[in-house]
Structure formats: C-alpha cells, structure tokens
PDB file of N, CA and C in Angstrom:
ATOM      1  N   MET A   1     -13.406  42.402 -28.832  1.00  0.00           N
ATOM      2  CA  MET A   1     -12.281  42.463 -29.663  1.00  0.00           C
ATOM      3  C   MET A   1     -11.341  43.638 -29.284  1.00  0.00           C
ATOM      4  N   SER A   2     -10.278  43.658 -29.879  1.00  0.00           N
ATOM      5  CA  SER A   2      -9.199  44.642 -29.517  1.00  0.00           C
ATOM      6  C   SER A   2      -8.942  45.569 -30.631  1.00  0.00           C
ATOM      7  N   THR A   3      -8.559  46.736 -30.328  1.00  0.00           N
ATOM      8  CA  THR A   3      -8.143  47.800 -31.343  1.00  0.00           C
ATOM      9  C   THR A   3      -6.663  47.879 -31.363  1.00  0.00           C
ATOM     10  N   GLU A   4      -5.918  47.035 -30.616  1.00  0.00           N
ATOM     11  CA  GLU A   4      -4.551  47.121 -30.530  1.00  0.00           C
ATOM     12  C   GLU A   4      -3.899  46.617 -31.801  1.00  0.00           C
ATOM     13  N   ALA A   5      -2.600  46.953 -31.980  1.00  0.00           N
ATOM     14  CA  ALA A   5      -1.863  46.411 -33.112  1.00  0.00           C
ATOM     15  C   ALA A   5      -0.736  45.521 -32.627  1.00  0.00           C
ATOM     16  N   ALA A   6      -0.248  44.707 -33.457  1.00  0.00           N
ATOM     17  CA  ALA A   6       0.835  43.749 -33.156  1.00  0.00           C
ATOM     18  C   ALA A   6       1.974  43.881 -34.196  1.00  0.00           C
ATOM     19  N   HIS A   7       3.205  43.657 -33.744  1.00  0.00           N
ATOM     20  CA  HIS A   7       4.229  43.639 -34.669  1.00  0.00           C
ATOM     21  C   HIS A   7       4.438  42.094 -34.994  1.00  0.00           C
ATOM     22  N   VAL A   8       4.534  41.792 -36.269  1.00  0.00           N
ATOM     23  CA  VAL A   8       4.667  40.395 -36.701  1.00  0.00           C
ATOM     24  C   VAL A   8       5.772  40.234 -37.642  1.00  0.00           C
ATOM     25  N   CYS A   9       6.395  38.967 -37.675  1.00  0.00           N
ATOM     26  CA  CYS A   9       7.429  38.699 -38.628  1.00  0.00           C
ATOM     27  C   CYS A   9       6.835  38.546 -40.037  1.00  0.00           C
ATOM     28  N   SER A  10       7.695  38.575 -41.060  1.00  0.00           N
ATOM     29  CA  SER A  10       7.228  38.380 -42.443  1.00  0.00           C
ATOM     30  C   SER A  10       6.474  37.101 -42.762  1.00  0.00           C
ATOM     31  N   HIS A  11       6.795  36.089 -41.983  1.00  0.00           N
ATOM     32  CA  HIS A  11       6.159  34.724 -42.228  1.00  0.00           C
ATOM     33  C   HIS A  11       4.702  34.860 -41.711  1.00  0.00           C
ATOM     34  N   VAL A  12       4.484  35.477 -40.596  1.00  0.00           N
ATOM     35  CA  VAL A  12       3.088  35.696 -40.073  1.00  0.00           C
ATOM     36  C   VAL A  12       2.389  36.722 -40.962  1.00  0.00           C
ATOM     37  N   PHE A  13       3.039  37.700 -41.294  1.00  0.00           N
ATOM     38  CA  PHE A  13       2.458  38.790 -42.090  1.00  0.00           C
ATOM     39  C   PHE A  13       1.877  38.220 -43.388  1.00  0.00           C
ATOM     40  N   SER A  14       2.664  37.374 -44.040  1.00  0.00           N
ATOM     41  CA  SER A  14       2.281  36.796 -45.339  1.00  0.00           C
ATOM     42  C   SER A  14       1.308  35.561 -45.217  1.00  0.00           C
ATOM     43  N   ASN A  15       1.094  35.261 -43.894  1.00  0.00           N
ATOM     44  CA  ASN A  15       0.195  34.088 -43.555  1.00  0.00           C
ATOM     45  C   ASN A  15       0.821  32.760 -44.126  1.00  0.00           C
ATOM     46  N   THR A  16       2.171  32.674 -44.127  1.00  0.00           N
ATOM     47  CA  THR A  16       2.763  31.354 -44.505  1.00  0.00           C
ATOM     48  C   THR A  16       3.130  30.494 -43.314  1.00  0.00           C
ATOM     49  N   HIS A  17       3.199  31.085 -42.143  1.00  0.00           N
ATOM     50  CA  HIS A  17       3.500  30.377 -40.797  1.00  0.00           C
ATOM     51  C   HIS A  17       2.547  30.829 -39.800  1.00  0.00           C
ATOM     52  N   PRO A  18       2.201  29.954 -38.984  1.00  0.00           N
ATOM     53  CA  PRO A  18       1.287  30.362 -37.807  1.00  0.00           C
ATOM     54  C   PRO A  18       2.049  31.079 -36.710  1.00  0.00           C
ATOM     55  N   VAL A  19       1.388  31.766 -35.878  1.00  0.00           N
ATOM     56  CA  VAL A  19       1.899  32.381 -34.717  1.00  0.00           C
ATOM     57  C   VAL A  19       2.167  31.344 -33.608  1.00  0.00           C
ATOM     58  N   LEU A  20       3.473  31.161 -33.205  1.00  0.00           N
ATOM     59  CA  LEU A  20       3.832  30.259 -32.153  1.00  0.00           C
ATOM     60  C   LEU A  20       4.406  30.863 -30.998  1.00  0.00           C
ATOM     61  N   LEU A  21       4.689  32.197 -31.022  1.00  0.00           N
ATOM     62  CA  LEU A  21       5.194  32.936 -29.855  1.00  0.00           C
ATOM     63  C   LEU A  21       4.532  34.311 -29.863  1.00  0.00           C
ATOM     64  N   VAL A  22       3.987  34.551 -28.763  1.00  0.00           N
ATOM     65  CA  VAL A  22       3.427  35.925 -28.476  1.00  0.00           C
ATOM     66  C   VAL A  22       4.211  36.585 -27.342  1.00  0.00           C
ATOM     67  N   SER A  23       4.629  37.793 -27.497  1.00  0.00           N
ATOM     68  CA  SER A  23       5.424  38.493 -26.500  1.00  0.00           C
ATOM     69  C   SER A  23       4.812  39.794 -26.170  1.00  0.00           C
ATOM     70  N   ARG A  24       4.926  40.314 -24.908  1.00  0.00           N
ATOM     71  CA  ARG A  24       4.388  41.567 -24.499  1.00  0.00           C
ATOM     72  C   ARG A  24       5.661  42.359 -23.935  1.00  0.00           C
ATOM     73  N   ALA A  25       6.803  42.083 -24.474  1.00  0.00           N
ATOM     74  CA  ALA A  25       7.973  42.808 -24.009  1.00  0.00           C
ATOM     75  C   ALA A  25       7.872  44.369 -24.161  1.00  0.00           C
ATOM     76  N   GLY A  26       8.019  45.066 -23.147  1.00  0.00           N
ATOM     77  CA  GLY A  26       7.816  46.504 -23.192  1.00  0.00           C
ATOM     78  C   GLY A  26       6.346  46.945 -23.389  1.00  0.00           C
ATOM     79  N   GLY A  27       5.547  46.035 -23.260  1.00  0.00           N
ATOM     80  CA  GLY A  27       4.070  46.320 -23.312  1.00  0.00           C
ATOM     81  C   GLY A  27       3.504  46.159 -24.817  1.00  0.00           C
ATOM     82  N   SER A  28       4.332  46.077 -25.851  1.00  0.00           N
ATOM     83  CA  SER A  28       3.869  46.035 -27.239  1.00  0.00           C
ATOM     84  C   SER A  28       3.706  44.530 -27.585  1.00  0.00           C
ATOM     85  N   TRP A  29       2.788  44.264 -28.371  1.00  0.00           N
ATOM     86  CA  TRP A  29       2.455  42.933 -28.833  1.00  0.00           C
ATOM     87  C   TRP A  29       3.604  42.530 -29.990  1.00  0.00           C
ATOM     88  N   ARG A  30       4.074  41.364 -29.844  1.00  0.00           N
ATOM     89  CA  ARG A  30       4.841  40.707 -30.919  1.00  0.00           C
ATOM     90  C   ARG A  30       4.426  39.376 -31.132  1.00  0.00           C
ATOM     91  N   CYS A  31       4.054  39.029 -32.315  1.00  0.00           N
ATOM     92  CA  CYS A  31       3.609  37.739 -32.696  1.00  0.00           C
ATOM     93  C   CYS A  31       4.493  37.091 -33.752  1.00  0.00           C
ATOM     94  N   LEU A  32       5.167  36.049 -33.421  1.00  0.00           N
ATOM     95  CA  LEU A  32       6.237  35.560 -34.212  1.00  0.00           C
ATOM     96  C   LEU A  32       5.983  34.023 -34.474  1.00  0.00           C
ATOM     97  N   CYS A  33       6.661  33.545 -35.581  1.00  0.00           N
ATOM     98  CA  CYS A  33       6.452  32.185 -35.941  1.00  0.00           C
ATOM     99  C   CYS A  33       7.443  31.256 -35.356  1.00  0.00           C
ATOM    100  N   GLY A  34       8.570  31.759 -34.868  1.00  0.00           N
ATOM    101  CA  GLY A  34       9.661  30.974 -34.299  1.00  0.00           C
ATOM    102  C   GLY A  34      10.620  30.370 -35.253  1.00  0.00           C
ATOM    103  N   ASP A  35      10.468  30.823 -36.496  1.00  0.00           N
ATOM    104  CA  ASP A  35      11.454  30.288 -37.609  1.00  0.00           C
ATOM    105  C   ASP A  35      12.509  31.347 -37.721  1.00  0.00           C
ATOM    106  N   GLU A  36      13.457  30.921 -38.491  1.00  0.00           N
ATOM    107  CA  GLU A  36      14.607  31.822 -38.899  1.00  0.00           C
ATOM    108  C   GLU A  36      14.268  32.993 -39.778  1.00  0.00           C
ATOM    109  N   HIS A  37      14.902  34.078 -39.684  1.00  0.00           N
ATOM    110  CA  HIS A  37      14.582  35.242 -40.522  1.00  0.00           C
ATOM    111  C   HIS A  37      15.960  35.934 -40.954  1.00  0.00           C
ATOM    112  N   GLY A  38      16.006  36.539 -42.083  1.00  0.00           N
ATOM    113  CA  GLY A  38      17.186  37.054 -42.525  1.00  0.00           C
ATOM    114  C   GLY A  38      17.607  38.298 -41.599  1.00  0.00           C
ATOM    115  N   PRO A  39      18.984  38.619 -41.642  1.00  0.00           N
ATOM    116  CA  PRO A  39      19.336  39.686 -40.797  1.00  0.00           C
ATOM    117  C   PRO A  39      18.746  41.077 -41.245  1.00  0.00           C
ATOM    118  N   GLY A  40      18.239  41.768 -40.310  1.00  0.00           N
ATOM    119  CA  GLY A  40      17.645  43.129 -40.604  1.00  0.00           C
ATOM    120  C   GLY A  40      16.294  43.038 -41.165  1.00  0.00           C
ATOM    121  N   GLU A  41      15.726  41.850 -41.141  1.00  0.00           N
ATOM    122  CA  GLU A  41      14.326  41.651 -41.779  1.00  0.00           C
ATOM    123  C   GLU A  41      13.376  42.567 -40.918  1.00  0.00           C
ATOM    124  N   PRO A  42      12.545  43.374 -41.614  1.00  0.00           N
ATOM    125  CA  PRO A  42      11.718  44.248 -40.827  1.00  0.00           C
ATOM    126  C   PRO A  42      10.446  43.537 -40.191  1.00  0.00           C
ATOM    127  N   MET A  43       9.936  44.176 -39.192  1.00  0.00           N
ATOM    128  CA  MET A  43       8.708  43.681 -38.630  1.00  0.00           C
ATOM    129  C   MET A  43       7.565  44.426 -39.331  1.00  0.00           C
ATOM    130  N   HIS A  44       6.358  43.826 -39.367  1.00  0.00           N
ATOM    131  CA  HIS A  44       5.302  44.467 -40.005  1.00  0.00           C
ATOM    132  C   HIS A  44       4.196  44.660 -38.850  1.00  0.00           C
ATOM    133  N   VAL A  45       3.373  45.682 -39.006  1.00  0.00           N
ATOM    134  CA  VAL A  45       2.344  45.959 -38.094  1.00  0.00           C
ATOM    135  C   VAL A  45       0.953  45.628 -38.610  1.00  0.00           C
ATOM    136  N   VAL A  46       0.190  44.853 -37.900  1.00  0.00           N
ATOM    137  CA  VAL A  46      -1.209  44.382 -38.199  1.00  0.00           C
ATOM    138  C   VAL A  46      -2.111  44.627 -37.095  1.00  0.00           C
ATOM    139  N   GLY A  47      -3.394  44.721 -37.271  1.00  0.00           N
ATOM    140  CA  GLY A  47      -4.291  44.833 -36.283  1.00  0.00           C
ATOM    141  C   GLY A  47      -4.494  43.416 -35.527  1.00  0.00           C
ATOM    142  N   TRP A  48      -4.675  43.497 -34.291  1.00  0.00           N
ATOM    143  CA  TRP A  48      -4.897  42.329 -33.437  1.00  0.00           C
ATOM    144  C   TRP A  48      -6.139  41.482 -33.959  1.00  0.00           C
ATOM    145  N   ASN A  49      -7.107  42.227 -34.255  1.00  0.00           N
ATOM    146  CA  ASN A  49      -8.260  41.518 -34.737  1.00  0.00           C
ATOM    147  C   ASN A  49      -8.050  40.774 -35.994  1.00  0.00           C
ATOM    148  N   GLU A  50      -7.164  41.215 -36.849  1.00  0.00           N
ATOM    149  CA  GLU A  50      -6.786  40.426 -38.068  1.00  0.00           C
ATOM    150  C   GLU A  50      -6.182  39.097 -37.690  1.00  0.00           C
ATOM    151  N   LEU A  51      -5.327  39.145 -36.688  1.00  0.00           N
ATOM    152  CA  LEU A  51      -4.628  37.887 -36.303  1.00  0.00           C
ATOM    153  C   LEU A  51      -5.563  36.992 -35.716  1.00  0.00           C
ATOM    154  N   VAL A  52      -6.532  37.449 -34.852  1.00  0.00           N
ATOM    155  CA  VAL A  52      -7.601  36.695 -34.253  1.00  0.00           C
ATOM    156  C   VAL A  52      -8.492  36.093 -35.268  1.00  0.00           C
ATOM    157  N   HIS A  53      -8.777  36.809 -36.349  1.00  0.00           N
ATOM    158  CA  HIS A  53      -9.559  36.290 -37.358  1.00  0.00           C
ATOM    159  C   HIS A  53      -8.850  35.115 -38.079  1.00  0.00           C
ATOM    160  N   ARG A  54      -7.615  35.118 -38.212  1.00  0.00           N
ATOM    161  CA  ARG A  54      -6.898  34.049 -38.889  1.00  0.00           C
ATOM    162  C   ARG A  54      -6.714  32.813 -37.831  1.00  0.00           C
ATOM    163  N   ASP A  55      -6.489  33.144 -36.498  1.00  0.00           N
ATOM    164  CA  ASP A  55      -6.371  32.044 -35.528  1.00  0.00           C
ATOM    165  C   ASP A  55      -7.202  32.515 -34.211  1.00  0.00           C
ATOM    166  N   SER A  56      -8.305  31.899 -34.087  1.00  0.00           N
ATOM    167  CA  SER A  56      -9.129  32.337 -32.967  1.00  0.00           C
ATOM    168  C   SER A  56      -8.518  32.087 -31.532  1.00  0.00           C
ATOM    169  N   THR A  57      -7.542  31.168 -31.470  1.00  0.00           N
ATOM    170  CA  THR A  57      -6.869  30.884 -30.216  1.00  0.00           C
ATOM    171  C   THR A  57      -6.083  32.020 -29.647  1.00  0.00           C
ATOM    172  N   LEU A  58      -5.757  32.953 -30.529  1.00  0.00           N
ATOM    173  CA  LEU A  58      -4.968  34.121 -30.070  1.00  0.00           C
ATOM    174  C   LEU A  58      -5.800  34.946 -29.094  1.00  0.00           C
ATOM    175  N   ALA A  59      -7.128  34.897 -29.247  1.00  0.00           N
ATOM    176  CA  ALA A  59      -7.986  35.619 -28.319  1.00  0.00           C
ATOM    177  C   ALA A  59      -7.776  35.250 -26.823  1.00  0.00           C
ATOM    178  N   GLU A  60      -7.367  34.071 -26.655  1.00  0.00           N
ATOM    179  CA  GLU A  60      -7.092  33.608 -25.286  1.00  0.00           C
ATOM    180  C   GLU A  60      -5.948  34.453 -24.556  1.00  0.00           C
ATOM    181  N   LEU A  61      -5.154  35.086 -25.374  1.00  0.00           N
ATOM    182  CA  LEU A  61      -4.036  35.789 -24.918  1.00  0.00           C
ATOM    183  C   LEU A  61      -4.228  37.307 -24.714  1.00  0.00           C
ATOM    184  N   LEU A  62      -5.486  37.845 -24.971  1.00  0.00           N
ATOM    185  CA  LEU A  62      -5.743  39.238 -24.812  1.00  0.00           C
ATOM    186  C   LEU A  62      -5.412  39.735 -23.399  1.00  0.00           C
ATOM    187  N   ASN A  63      -5.396  38.850 -22.431  1.00  0.00           N
ATOM    188  CA  ASN A  63      -5.156  39.366 -21.134  1.00  0.00           C
ATOM    189  C   ASN A  63      -3.727  39.043 -20.628  1.00  0.00           C
ATOM    190  N   LEU A  64      -2.864  38.690 -21.513  1.00  0.00           N
ATOM    191  CA  LEU A  64      -1.568  38.428 -21.310  1.00  0.00           C
ATOM    192  C   LEU A  64      -0.846  39.645 -20.776  1.00  0.00           C
ATOM    193  N   PRO A  65      -0.209  39.629 -19.467  1.00  0.00           N
ATOM    194  CA  PRO A  65       0.267  40.776 -18.854  1.00  0.00           C
ATOM    195  C   PRO A  65       1.473  41.356 -19.637  1.00  0.00           C
ATOM    196  N   ASN A  66       1.826  42.670 -19.427  1.00  0.00           N
ATOM    197  CA  ASN A  66       3.008  43.252 -20.035  1.00  0.00           C
ATOM    198  C   ASN A  66       4.221  42.409 -19.389  1.00  0.00           C
ATOM    199  N   GLU A  67       5.192  42.266 -20.287  1.00  0.00           N
ATOM    200  CA  GLU A  67       6.467  41.576 -19.951  1.00  0.00           C
ATOM    201  C   GLU A  67       6.330  40.094 -19.891  1.00  0.00           C
ATOM    202  N   TRP A  68       5.232  39.525 -20.241  1.00  0.00           N
ATOM    203  CA  TRP A  68       5.016  38.109 -20.371  1.00  0.00           C
ATOM    204  C   TRP A  68       5.009  37.581 -21.757  1.00  0.00           C
ATOM    205  N   GLU A  69       5.222  36.224 -21.976  1.00  0.00           N
ATOM    206  CA  GLU A  69       5.081  35.732 -23.283  1.00  0.00           C
ATOM    207  C   GLU A  69       4.231  34.450 -23.258  1.00  0.00           C
ATOM    208  N   ALA A  70       3.811  33.969 -24.318  1.00  0.00           N
ATOM    209  CA  ALA A  70       3.038  32.742 -24.471  1.00  0.00           C
ATOM    210  C   ALA A  70       3.625  31.994 -25.691  1.00  0.00           C
ATOM    211  N   ALA A  71       3.735  30.639 -25.570  1.00  0.00           N
ATOM    212  CA  ALA A  71       4.380  29.946 -26.732  1.00  0.00           C
ATOM    213  C   ALA A  71       3.592  28.579 -26.807  1.00  0.00           C
ATOM    214  N   ARG A  72       3.743  28.041 -27.967  1.00  0.00           N
ATOM    215  CA  ARG A  72       3.176  26.659 -28.256  1.00  0.00           C
ATOM    216  C   ARG A  72       4.031  25.979 -29.308  1.00  0.00           C
ATOM    217  N   LEU A  73       4.027  24.683 -29.394  1.00  0.00           N
ATOM    218  CA  LEU A  73       4.821  23.985 -30.297  1.00  0.00           C
ATOM    219  C   LEU A  73       4.150  23.886 -31.730  1.00  0.00           C
ATOM    220  N   SER A  74       2.828  23.984 -31.794  1.00  0.00           N
ATOM    221  CA  SER A  74       2.115  23.831 -33.032  1.00  0.00           C
ATOM    222  C   SER A  74       0.822  24.533 -32.785  1.00  0.00           C
ATOM    223  N   VAL A  75      -0.004  24.681 -33.965  1.00  0.00           N
ATOM    224  CA  VAL A  75      -1.301  25.279 -33.804  1.00  0.00           C
ATOM    225  C   VAL A  75      -2.227  24.376 -33.026  1.00  0.00           C
ATOM    226  N   ASP A  76      -1.905  23.107 -32.932  1.00  0.00           N
ATOM    227  CA  ASP A  76      -2.743  22.088 -32.240  1.00  0.00           C
ATOM    228  C   ASP A  76      -2.353  22.022 -30.715  1.00  0.00           C
ATOM    229  N   SER A  77      -1.291  22.713 -30.331  1.00  0.00           N
ATOM    230  CA  SER A  77      -0.847  22.754 -28.932  1.00  0.00           C
ATOM    231  C   SER A  77      -1.486  23.908 -28.057  1.00  0.00           C
ATOM    232  N   ARG A  78      -1.459  23.635 -26.843  1.00  0.00           N
ATOM    233  CA  ARG A  78      -2.001  24.713 -25.864  1.00  0.00           C
ATOM    234  C   ARG A  78      -0.975  25.865 -25.669  1.00  0.00           C
ATOM    235  N   TRP A  79      -1.466  26.964 -25.558  1.00  0.00           N
ATOM    236  CA  TRP A  79      -0.547  28.107 -25.177  1.00  0.00           C
ATOM    237  C   TRP A  79      -0.054  27.941 -23.749  1.00  0.00           C
ATOM    238  N   ILE A  80       1.258  28.199 -23.603  1.00  0.00           N
ATOM    239  CA  ILE A  80       1.950  28.075 -22.312  1.00  0.00           C
ATOM    240  C   ILE A  80       2.440  29.490 -22.027  1.00  0.00           C
ATOM    241  N   ARG A  81       1.926  30.072 -20.951  1.00  0.00           N
ATOM    242  CA  ARG A  81       2.308  31.455 -20.484  1.00  0.00           C
ATOM    243  C   ARG A  81       3.486  31.400 -19.530  1.00  0.00           C
ATOM    244  N   ALA A  82       4.282  32.371 -19.676  1.00  0.00           N
ATOM    245  CA  ALA A  82       5.515  32.485 -18.910  1.00  0.00           C
ATOM    246  C   ALA A  82       5.987  33.917 -18.767  1.00  0.00           C
ATOM    247  N   ARG A  83       6.576  34.306 -17.620  1.00  0.00           N
ATOM    248  CA  ARG A  83       7.338  35.503 -17.513  1.00  0.00           C
ATOM    249  C   ARG A  83       8.761  35.207 -17.688  1.00  0.00           C
ATOM    250  N   PRO A  84       9.313  35.755 -18.808  1.00  0.00           N
ATOM    251  CA  PRO A  84      10.734  35.428 -19.016  1.00  0.00           C
ATOM    252  C   PRO A  84      11.711  35.796 -17.958  1.00  0.00           C
ATOM    253  N   GLN A  85      12.763  35.142 -17.767  1.00  0.00           N
ATOM    254  CA  GLN A  85      13.760  35.394 -16.763  1.00  0.00           C
ATOM    255  C   GLN A  85      14.532  36.650 -17.190  1.00  0.00           C
ATOM    256  N   VAL A  86      14.827  37.568 -16.375  1.00  0.00           N
ATOM    257  CA  VAL A  86      15.625  38.728 -16.585  1.00  0.00           C
ATOM    258  C   VAL A  86      17.074  38.438 -16.249  1.00  0.00           C
ATOM    259  N   HIS A  87      17.973  38.565 -17.137  1.00  0.00           N
ATOM    260  CA  HIS A  87      19.462  38.251 -16.825  1.00  0.00           C
ATOM    261  C   HIS A  87      20.113  39.540 -16.785  1.00  0.00           C
ATOM    262  N   ASP A  88      20.864  39.749 -15.686  1.00  0.00           N
ATOM    263  CA  ASP A  88      21.680  40.991 -15.429  1.00  0.00           C
ATOM    264  C   ASP A  88      23.049  40.879 -15.983  1.00  0.00           C
TER     265      ASP A  88
END
C-alpha cells in the first residue's frame, strides 16, 4: 500500500463519480472524474489507500511515472497510460 496523498475533485471526494483520469503532473497525484466542475472549485486531499479501497484497479497505477497520466472511459474499461504531449 501507499502512504501518498492524492488531490481529487469534489465528485471523487464525495464518492458520487468514479476516478476516470489519474495524472502525475509535477509528480503529484491527481484523481479526477472527467466531468464538469464549477469555476474555482477546490480540490480535496485524500489518502491514496482510501481511493484504492474504493476502487482496487487504482492499485495498478502505483507505478505510474511522474508527468504521465492514465485514463479510462468507464470503471469497466482498462486503464490506458500515456505521457501527455508538451506544447510550447
């Protein structure tokens, strides 16, 4: 298990939407639902283990490198890993 924390959107925090996008931008974990959010809506911090407890497939991403992301279309879909393109 991991002792790391993740920043999550309000939908993931309240457990009303699943995590469909995981990002390691800047080395920090971000777990998002992919839905719309209000302007200025704050991120919440939760323990990575809490997220894995809710969705065990997130454990597959513990080795996701910094600056990479993983996405899926639904909770029944496979995680697809990618390194986002940097635009100058």
